[in-house]
Amino acid sequence: CGGDGVIRVHNSLQASAVIALEPSAAHIYAVAWSPAKQLVLAAGGGDGWVYVYDLAVSKSGPVNRLEMPNRRAVVSLSFSPR
């Protein structure tokens, strides 16, 4: 997560990021990986949106976006374990 709006995904075997995702120009405050699907993650931004990525489908952008009520910053995320 970072203030530049970029999510950098790393592999423990490589020094540099494997992929960089840019869902928003706003701060990204939270990122969560799905426990059920290996390549699915969600990111919460300071712009009040949750960005859902499925890296098996697209590495260029989110597959879905969810707007939070009152467009408040998303500072915490979690997936249901089911």
Protein backbone atom coordinates (compact mmCIF):
# COMPACT_ATOMS: atom_id res chain seq x y z
CA CYS A 1 0.00 0.00 0.00
CA GLY A 2 1.24 3.43 -0.61
CA GLY A 3 0.58 7.09 -0.90
CA ASP A 4 1.18 7.02 -4.64
CA GLY A 5 -1.90 4.85 -5.31
CA VAL A 6 0.22 1.93 -6.56
CA ILE A 7 -0.04 -1.63 -5.26
CA ARG A 8 3.20 -3.54 -5.79
CA VAL A 9 2.95 -7.33 -5.68
CA HIS A 10 6.19 -9.07 -4.81
CA ASN A 11 7.41 -12.63 -5.09
CA SER A 12 9.73 -13.69 -2.25
CA LEU A 13 12.19 -15.02 -4.86
CA GLN A 14 12.56 -11.71 -6.72
CA ALA A 15 13.87 -8.34 -5.59
CA SER A 16 11.55 -6.23 -7.75
CA ALA A 17 7.78 -6.19 -7.94
CA VAL A 18 6.16 -8.84 -10.12
CA ILE A 19 3.30 -6.52 -10.99
CA ALA A 20 2.26 -2.96 -10.16
CA LEU A 21 -1.44 -2.13 -10.03
CA GLU A 22 -2.68 1.46 -10.16
CA PRO A 23 -6.35 1.56 -9.21
CA SER A 24 -6.43 5.18 -8.08
CA ALA A 25 -4.41 8.35 -7.66
CA ALA A 26 -5.58 8.39 -4.03
CA HIS A 27 -3.77 6.71 -1.15
CA ILE A 28 -4.29 2.96 -0.90
CA TYR A 29 -4.94 2.18 2.76
CA ALA A 30 -5.80 -1.52 2.71
CA VAL A 31 -5.17 -4.62 0.61
CA ALA A 32 -6.53 -8.11 1.21
CA TRP A 33 -5.99 -11.38 -0.66
CA SER A 34 -8.91 -13.74 -1.08
CA PRO A 35 -8.47 -16.92 0.98
CA ALA A 36 -10.56 -18.86 -1.57
CA LYS A 37 -9.07 -17.68 -4.89
CA GLN A 38 -5.31 -17.33 -5.21
CA LEU A 39 -5.22 -14.46 -7.68
CA VAL A 40 -8.04 -12.31 -6.30
CA LEU A 41 -7.32 -9.26 -4.17
CA ALA A 42 -9.14 -6.14 -3.10
CA ALA A 43 -7.73 -2.70 -2.38
CA GLY A 44 -9.33 0.12 -0.40
CA GLY A 45 -8.60 3.69 -1.34
CA GLY A 46 -8.77 7.10 0.21
CA ASP A 47 -11.24 8.00 -2.52
CA GLY A 48 -13.97 5.80 -0.99
CA TRP A 49 -13.76 2.96 -3.50
CA VAL A 50 -12.88 -0.72 -3.17
CA TYR A 51 -11.10 -2.09 -6.23
CA VAL A 52 -11.35 -5.83 -6.86
CA TYR A 53 -8.71 -7.53 -8.99
CA ASP A 54 -8.70 -11.02 -10.45
CA LEU A 55 -5.22 -11.37 -11.86
CA ALA A 56 -6.26 -14.52 -13.75
CA VAL A 57 -8.72 -12.38 -15.73
CA SER A 58 -6.92 -9.03 -16.06
CA LYS A 59 -3.65 -7.53 -14.94
CA SER A 60 -4.42 -4.15 -16.46
CA GLY A 61 -7.30 -3.05 -14.23
CA PRO A 62 -9.84 -4.04 -11.62
CA VAL A 63 -12.63 -6.45 -12.58
CA ASN A 64 -15.01 -4.59 -10.25
CA ARG A 65 -15.26 -1.37 -8.23
CA LEU A 66 -17.47 -0.79 -5.22
CA GLU A 67 -18.31 2.71 -4.00
CA MET A 68 -18.56 3.12 -0.24
CA PRO A 69 -21.37 5.13 1.37
CA ASN A 70 -20.48 8.82 1.66
CA ARG A 71 -17.26 8.06 -0.29
CA ARG A 72 -15.27 7.75 2.94
CA ALA A 73 -11.76 6.30 2.86
CA VAL A 74 -11.55 2.51 3.01
CA VAL A 75 -8.99 1.75 5.72
CA SER A 76 -9.70 -1.94 6.38
CA LEU A 77 -10.67 -4.93 4.22
CA SER A 78 -11.23 -8.63 4.68
CA PHE A 79 -12.73 -11.47 2.69
CA SER A 80 -15.24 -13.93 4.08
CA PRO A 81 -13.48 -17.26 4.71
CA ARG A 82 -16.19 -19.09 2.73
